[in-house]
Amino acid sequence: MKHAVPGSILYLEGNLESKIFTDPITGIVRRIREVSIRRNCRVVFLSKGSEAQEPIEPQINGVRY
């Protein structure tokens, strides 16, 4: 994501995926959990990372669980 900067507050709607791999240097099996954002998923920017303001009350409609 080229518009996200450290400290940005995002709302992500997607799938959690786990990746398992062996570190080639240490030989330790590592597990990584990622949010996968594909078709029919959303990313909403709630605030920029450089903003030092009070938290905003987001208006998110159509959230499905």
PDB file of N, CA and C in Angstrom:
ATOM      1  N   MET A   1       0.843  -1.172   0.000  1.00  0.00           N
ATOM      2  CA  MET A   1       0.000   0.000   0.000  1.00  0.00           C
ATOM      3  C   MET A   1       0.886   1.232   0.000  1.00  0.00           C
ATOM      4  N   LYS A   2       0.836   1.982  -1.049  1.00  0.00           N
ATOM      5  CA  LYS A   2       1.745   3.117  -1.165  1.00  0.00           C
ATOM      6  C   LYS A   2       1.259   4.358  -0.419  1.00  0.00           C
ATOM      7  N   HIS A   3      -0.015   4.414  -0.003  1.00  0.00           N
ATOM      8  CA  HIS A   3      -0.517   5.606   0.675  1.00  0.00           C
ATOM      9  C   HIS A   3      -0.490   5.479   2.196  1.00  0.00           C
ATOM     10  N   ALA A   4      -0.296   4.284   2.718  1.00  0.00           N
ATOM     11  CA  ALA A   4      -0.246   4.092   4.165  1.00  0.00           C
ATOM     12  C   ALA A   4       1.153   4.444   4.675  1.00  0.00           C
ATOM     13  N   VAL A   5       1.202   5.180   5.773  1.00  0.00           N
ATOM     14  CA  VAL A   5       2.463   5.539   6.403  1.00  0.00           C
ATOM     15  C   VAL A   5       2.409   5.034   7.842  1.00  0.00           C
ATOM     16  N   PRO A   6       3.550   4.870   8.496  1.00  0.00           N
ATOM     17  CA  PRO A   6       3.537   4.425   9.888  1.00  0.00           C
ATOM     18  C   PRO A   6       2.656   5.333  10.749  1.00  0.00           C
ATOM     19  N   GLY A   7       1.809   4.717  11.555  1.00  0.00           N
ATOM     20  CA  GLY A   7       0.901   5.466  12.411  1.00  0.00           C
ATOM     21  C   GLY A   7      -0.476   5.671  11.810  1.00  0.00           C
ATOM     22  N   SER A   8      -0.669   5.296  10.545  1.00  0.00           N
ATOM     23  CA  SER A   8      -1.990   5.425   9.917  1.00  0.00           C
ATOM     24  C   SER A   8      -2.965   4.467  10.587  1.00  0.00           C
ATOM     25  N   ILE A   9      -4.205   4.899  10.703  1.00  0.00           N
ATOM     26  CA  ILE A   9      -5.251   4.041  11.234  1.00  0.00           C
ATOM     27  C   ILE A   9      -6.106   3.589  10.061  1.00  0.00           C
ATOM     28  N   LEU A  10      -6.183   2.269   9.869  1.00  0.00           N
ATOM     29  CA  LEU A  10      -6.905   1.690   8.744  1.00  0.00           C
ATOM     30  C   LEU A  10      -7.975   0.742   9.233  1.00  0.00           C
ATOM     31  N   TYR A  11      -9.048   0.630   8.472  1.00  0.00           N
ATOM     32  CA  TYR A  11     -10.052  -0.411   8.667  1.00  0.00           C
ATOM     33  C   TYR A  11      -9.881  -1.365   7.498  1.00  0.00           C
ATOM     34  N   LEU A  12      -9.565  -2.638   7.798  1.00  0.00           N
ATOM     35  CA  LEU A  12      -9.343  -3.638   6.759  1.00  0.00           C
ATOM     36  C   LEU A  12     -10.426  -4.690   6.835  1.00  0.00           C
ATOM     37  N   GLU A  13     -10.934  -5.057   5.688  1.00  0.00           N
ATOM     38  CA  GLU A  13     -11.916  -6.128   5.603  1.00  0.00           C
ATOM     39  C   GLU A  13     -11.366  -7.148   4.624  1.00  0.00           C
ATOM     40  N   GLY A  14     -11.025  -8.324   5.127  1.00  0.00           N
ATOM     41  CA  GLY A  14     -10.430  -9.338   4.269  1.00  0.00           C
ATOM     42  C   GLY A  14     -10.374 -10.672   4.989  1.00  0.00           C
ATOM     43  N   ASN A  15      -9.457 -11.532   4.568  1.00  0.00           N
ATOM     44  CA  ASN A  15      -9.303 -12.859   5.153  1.00  0.00           C
ATOM     45  C   ASN A  15      -7.963 -12.959   5.863  1.00  0.00           C
ATOM     46  N   LEU A  16      -7.938 -13.690   6.994  1.00  0.00           N
ATOM     47  CA  LEU A  16      -6.676 -13.978   7.657  1.00  0.00           C
ATOM     48  C   LEU A  16      -6.078 -15.226   7.027  1.00  0.00           C
ATOM     49  N   GLU A  17      -4.798 -15.143   6.684  1.00  0.00           N
ATOM     50  CA  GLU A  17      -4.101 -16.283   6.107  1.00  0.00           C
ATOM     51  C   GLU A  17      -2.820 -16.514   6.881  1.00  0.00           C
ATOM     52  N   SER A  18      -2.458 -17.768   7.060  1.00  0.00           N
ATOM     53  CA  SER A  18      -1.208 -18.128   7.726  1.00  0.00           C
ATOM     54  C   SER A  18      -0.247 -18.705   6.693  1.00  0.00           C
ATOM     55  N   LYS A  19       1.001 -18.269   6.777  1.00  0.00           N
ATOM     56  CA  LYS A  19       2.034 -18.811   5.905  1.00  0.00           C
ATOM     57  C   LYS A  19       3.092 -19.468   6.790  1.00  0.00           C
ATOM     58  N   ILE A  20       3.503 -20.652   6.427  1.00  0.00           N
ATOM     59  CA  ILE A  20       4.512 -21.391   7.170  1.00  0.00           C
ATOM     60  C   ILE A  20       5.709 -21.623   6.248  1.00  0.00           C
ATOM     61  N   PHE A  21       6.895 -21.269   6.729  1.00  0.00           N
ATOM     62  CA  PHE A  21       8.092 -21.478   5.927  1.00  0.00           C
ATOM     63  C   PHE A  21       9.282 -21.746   6.842  1.00  0.00           C
ATOM     64  N   THR A  22      10.328 -22.296   6.287  1.00  0.00           N
ATOM     65  CA  THR A  22      11.557 -22.553   7.035  1.00  0.00           C
ATOM     66  C   THR A  22      12.570 -21.475   6.691  1.00  0.00           C
ATOM     67  N   ASP A  23      13.078 -20.824   7.715  1.00  0.00           N
ATOM     68  CA  ASP A  23      14.091 -19.788   7.530  1.00  0.00           C
ATOM     69  C   ASP A  23      15.352 -20.442   6.963  1.00  0.00           C
ATOM     70  N   PRO A  24      15.835 -19.998   5.794  1.00  0.00           N
ATOM     71  CA  PRO A  24      16.985 -20.645   5.160  1.00  0.00           C
ATOM     72  C   PRO A  24      18.293 -20.471   5.937  1.00  0.00           C
ATOM     73  N   ILE A  25      18.385 -19.436   6.763  1.00  0.00           N
ATOM     74  CA  ILE A  25      19.625 -19.186   7.497  1.00  0.00           C
ATOM     75  C   ILE A  25      19.667 -19.985   8.801  1.00  0.00           C
ATOM     76  N   THR A  26      18.589 -19.903   9.589  1.00  0.00           N
ATOM     77  CA  THR A  26      18.585 -20.552  10.905  1.00  0.00           C
ATOM     78  C   THR A  26      17.966 -21.943  10.884  1.00  0.00           C
ATOM     79  N   GLY A  27      17.137 -22.241   9.866  1.00  0.00           N
ATOM     80  CA  GLY A  27      16.460 -23.534   9.804  1.00  0.00           C
ATOM     81  C   GLY A  27      15.235 -23.620  10.689  1.00  0.00           C
ATOM     82  N   ILE A  28      14.834 -22.503  11.298  1.00  0.00           N
ATOM     83  CA  ILE A  28      13.664 -22.470  12.182  1.00  0.00           C
ATOM     84  C   ILE A  28      12.401 -22.343  11.339  1.00  0.00           C
ATOM     85  N   VAL A  29      11.374 -23.106  11.717  1.00  0.00           N
ATOM     86  CA  VAL A  29      10.078 -23.012  11.038  1.00  0.00           C
ATOM     87  C   VAL A  29       9.372 -21.764  11.559  1.00  0.00           C
ATOM     88  N   ARG A  30       8.990 -20.900  10.656  1.00  0.00           N
ATOM     89  CA  ARG A  30       8.337 -19.635  11.013  1.00  0.00           C
ATOM     90  C   ARG A  30       6.904 -19.626  10.509  1.00  0.00           C
ATOM     91  N   ARG A  31       6.058 -18.930  11.252  1.00  0.00           N
ATOM     92  CA  ARG A  31       4.649 -18.780  10.877  1.00  0.00           C
ATOM     93  C   ARG A  31       4.318 -17.288  10.850  1.00  0.00           C
ATOM     94  N   ILE A  32       3.690 -16.872   9.790  1.00  0.00           N
ATOM     95  CA  ILE A  32       3.306 -15.469   9.622  1.00  0.00           C
ATOM     96  C   ILE A  32       1.804 -15.425   9.373  1.00  0.00           C
ATOM     97  N   ARG A  33       1.109 -14.522  10.058  1.00  0.00           N
ATOM     98  CA  ARG A  33      -0.311 -14.318   9.823  1.00  0.00           C
ATOM     99  C   ARG A  33      -0.479 -12.987   9.110  1.00  0.00           C
ATOM    100  N   GLU A  34      -1.227 -12.998   8.015  1.00  0.00           N
ATOM    101  CA  GLU A  34      -1.431 -11.792   7.193  1.00  0.00           C
ATOM    102  C   GLU A  34      -2.912 -11.571   6.941  1.00  0.00           C
ATOM    103  N   VAL A  35      -3.265 -10.322   6.668  1.00  0.00           N
ATOM    104  CA  VAL A  35      -4.609  -9.997   6.208  1.00  0.00           C
ATOM    105  C   VAL A  35      -4.551  -9.945   4.689  1.00  0.00           C
ATOM    106  N   SER A  36      -5.328 -10.795   4.053  1.00  0.00           N
ATOM    107  CA  SER A  36      -5.362 -10.861   2.596  1.00  0.00           C
ATOM    108  C   SER A  36      -6.550 -10.048   2.096  1.00  0.00           C
ATOM    109  N   ILE A  37      -6.256  -9.044   1.276  1.00  0.00           N
ATOM    110  CA  ILE A  37      -7.313  -8.175   0.743  1.00  0.00           C
ATOM    111  C   ILE A  37      -7.419  -8.440  -0.751  1.00  0.00           C
ATOM    112  N   ARG A  38      -8.513  -9.040  -1.125  1.00  0.00           N
ATOM    113  CA  ARG A  38      -8.733  -9.381  -2.528  1.00  0.00           C
ATOM    114  C   ARG A  38     -10.039  -8.755  -2.988  1.00  0.00           C
ATOM    115  N   ARG A  39     -10.605  -9.323  -4.061  1.00  0.00           N
ATOM    116  CA  ARG A  39     -11.878  -8.800  -4.559  1.00  0.00           C
ATOM    117  C   ARG A  39     -12.929  -8.809  -3.454  1.00  0.00           C
ATOM    118  N   ASN A  40     -13.838  -7.885  -3.498  1.00  0.00           N
ATOM    119  CA  ASN A  40     -14.951  -7.752  -2.555  1.00  0.00           C
ATOM    120  C   ASN A  40     -14.478  -7.481  -1.124  1.00  0.00           C
ATOM    121  N   CYS A  41     -13.283  -6.938  -0.963  1.00  0.00           N
ATOM    122  CA  CYS A  41     -12.777  -6.558   0.349  1.00  0.00           C
ATOM    123  C   CYS A  41     -12.561  -5.052   0.355  1.00  0.00           C
ATOM    124  N   ARG A  42     -12.401  -4.486   1.566  1.00  0.00           N
ATOM    125  CA  ARG A  42     -12.293  -3.034   1.656  1.00  0.00           C
ATOM    126  C   ARG A  42     -11.100  -2.596   2.487  1.00  0.00           C
ATOM    127  N   VAL A  43     -10.584  -1.424   2.146  1.00  0.00           N
ATOM    128  CA  VAL A  43      -9.590  -0.715   2.943  1.00  0.00           C
ATOM    129  C   VAL A  43     -10.113   0.703   3.101  1.00  0.00           C
ATOM    130  N   VAL A  44     -10.260   1.154   4.356  1.00  0.00           N
ATOM    131  CA  VAL A  44     -10.745   2.504   4.628  1.00  0.00           C
ATOM    132  C   VAL A  44      -9.700   3.216   5.480  1.00  0.00           C
ATOM    133  N   PHE A  45      -9.213   4.365   5.019  1.00  0.00           N
ATOM    134  CA  PHE A  45      -8.264   5.162   5.775  1.00  0.00           C
ATOM    135  C   PHE A  45      -9.042   5.996   6.783  1.00  0.00           C
ATOM    136  N   LEU A  46      -8.809   5.767   8.084  1.00  0.00           N
ATOM    137  CA  LEU A  46      -9.511   6.513   9.115  1.00  0.00           C
ATOM    138  C   LEU A  46      -8.737   7.751   9.539  1.00  0.00           C
ATOM    139  N   SER A  47      -7.406   7.707   9.473  1.00  0.00           N
ATOM    140  CA  SER A  47      -6.597   8.894   9.742  1.00  0.00           C
ATOM    141  C   SER A  47      -5.195   8.675   9.191  1.00  0.00           C
ATOM    142  N   LYS A  48      -4.504   9.774   8.954  1.00  0.00           N
ATOM    143  CA  LYS A  48      -3.133   9.711   8.469  1.00  0.00           C
ATOM    144  C   LYS A  48      -2.194   9.496   9.650  1.00  0.00           C
ATOM    145  N   GLY A  49      -1.009   8.986   9.377  1.00  0.00           N
ATOM    146  CA  GLY A  49      -0.041   8.729  10.432  1.00  0.00           C
ATOM    147  C   GLY A  49       0.517   9.994  11.055  1.00  0.00           C
ATOM    148  N   SER A  50       0.579  11.086  10.315  1.00  0.00           N
ATOM    149  CA  SER A  50       1.182  12.313  10.828  1.00  0.00           C
ATOM    150  C   SER A  50       0.195  13.187  11.593  1.00  0.00           C
ATOM    151  N   GLU A  51      -1.084  12.829  11.587  1.00  0.00           N
ATOM    152  CA  GLU A  51      -2.077  13.634  12.289  1.00  0.00           C
ATOM    153  C   GLU A  51      -2.008  13.340  13.785  1.00  0.00           C
ATOM    154  N   ALA A  52      -1.882  14.358  14.585  1.00  0.00           N
ATOM    155  CA  ALA A  52      -1.856  14.207  16.042  1.00  0.00           C
ATOM    156  C   ALA A  52      -3.150  14.785  16.604  1.00  0.00           C
ATOM    157  N   GLN A  53      -4.266  14.207  16.231  1.00  0.00           N
ATOM    158  CA  GLN A  53      -5.564  14.691  16.670  1.00  0.00           C
ATOM    159  C   GLN A  53      -6.220  13.640  17.549  1.00  0.00           C
ATOM    160  N   GLU A  54      -7.381  14.006  18.090  1.00  0.00           N
ATOM    161  CA  GLU A  54      -8.161  13.046  18.862  1.00  0.00           C
ATOM    162  C   GLU A  54      -8.664  11.959  17.921  1.00  0.00           C
ATOM    163  N   PRO A  55      -8.876  10.749  18.437  1.00  0.00           N
ATOM    164  CA  PRO A  55      -9.425   9.688  17.591  1.00  0.00           C
ATOM    165  C   PRO A  55     -10.782  10.087  17.031  1.00  0.00           C
ATOM    166  N   ILE A  56     -11.015   9.734  15.786  1.00  0.00           N
ATOM    167  CA  ILE A  56     -12.286  10.074  15.156  1.00  0.00           C
ATOM    168  C   ILE A  56     -13.252   8.915  15.291  1.00  0.00           C
ATOM    169  N   GLU A  57     -14.525   9.210  15.256  1.00  0.00           N
ATOM    170  CA  GLU A  57     -15.570   8.192  15.303  1.00  0.00           C
ATOM    171  C   GLU A  57     -15.914   7.833  13.860  1.00  0.00           C
ATOM    172  N   PRO A  58     -15.422   6.693  13.348  1.00  0.00           N
ATOM    173  CA  PRO A  58     -15.653   6.357  11.941  1.00  0.00           C
ATOM    174  C   PRO A  58     -17.095   5.976  11.664  1.00  0.00           C
ATOM    175  N   GLN A  59     -17.554   6.301  10.488  1.00  0.00           N
ATOM    176  CA  GLN A  59     -18.891   5.926  10.036  1.00  0.00           C
ATOM    177  C   GLN A  59     -18.718   4.846   8.992  1.00  0.00           C
ATOM    178  N   ILE A  60     -18.834   3.601   9.405  1.00  0.00           N
ATOM    179  CA  ILE A  60     -18.651   2.463   8.509  1.00  0.00           C
ATOM    180  C   ILE A  60     -19.992   1.771   8.361  1.00  0.00           C
ATOM    181  N   ASN A  61     -20.484   1.721   7.141  1.00  0.00           N
ATOM    182  CA  ASN A  61     -21.778   1.089   6.862  1.00  0.00           C
ATOM    183  C   ASN A  61     -21.580  -0.226   6.146  1.00  0.00           C
ATOM    184  N   GLY A  62     -22.486  -1.127   6.356  1.00  0.00           N
ATOM    185  CA  GLY A  62     -22.471  -2.386   5.618  1.00  0.00           C
ATOM    186  C   GLY A  62     -21.415  -3.357   6.079  1.00  0.00           C
ATOM    187  N   VAL A  63     -21.033  -3.310   7.346  1.00  0.00           N
ATOM    188  CA  VAL A  63     -20.037  -4.248   7.857  1.00  0.00           C
ATOM    189  C   VAL A  63     -20.715  -5.600   8.065  1.00  0.00           C
ATOM    190  N   ARG A  64     -20.100  -6.659   7.502  1.00  0.00           N
ATOM    191  CA  ARG A  64     -20.656  -7.997   7.610  1.00  0.00           C
ATOM    192  C   ARG A  64     -19.722  -8.859   8.422  1.00  0.00           C
ATOM    193  N   TYR A  65     -20.300  -9.740   9.241  1.00  0.00           N
ATOM    194  CA  TYR A  65     -19.497 -10.671  10.041  1.00  0.00           C
ATOM    195  C   TYR A  65     -19.824 -12.076   9.659  1.00  0.00           C
TER     196      TYR A  65
END
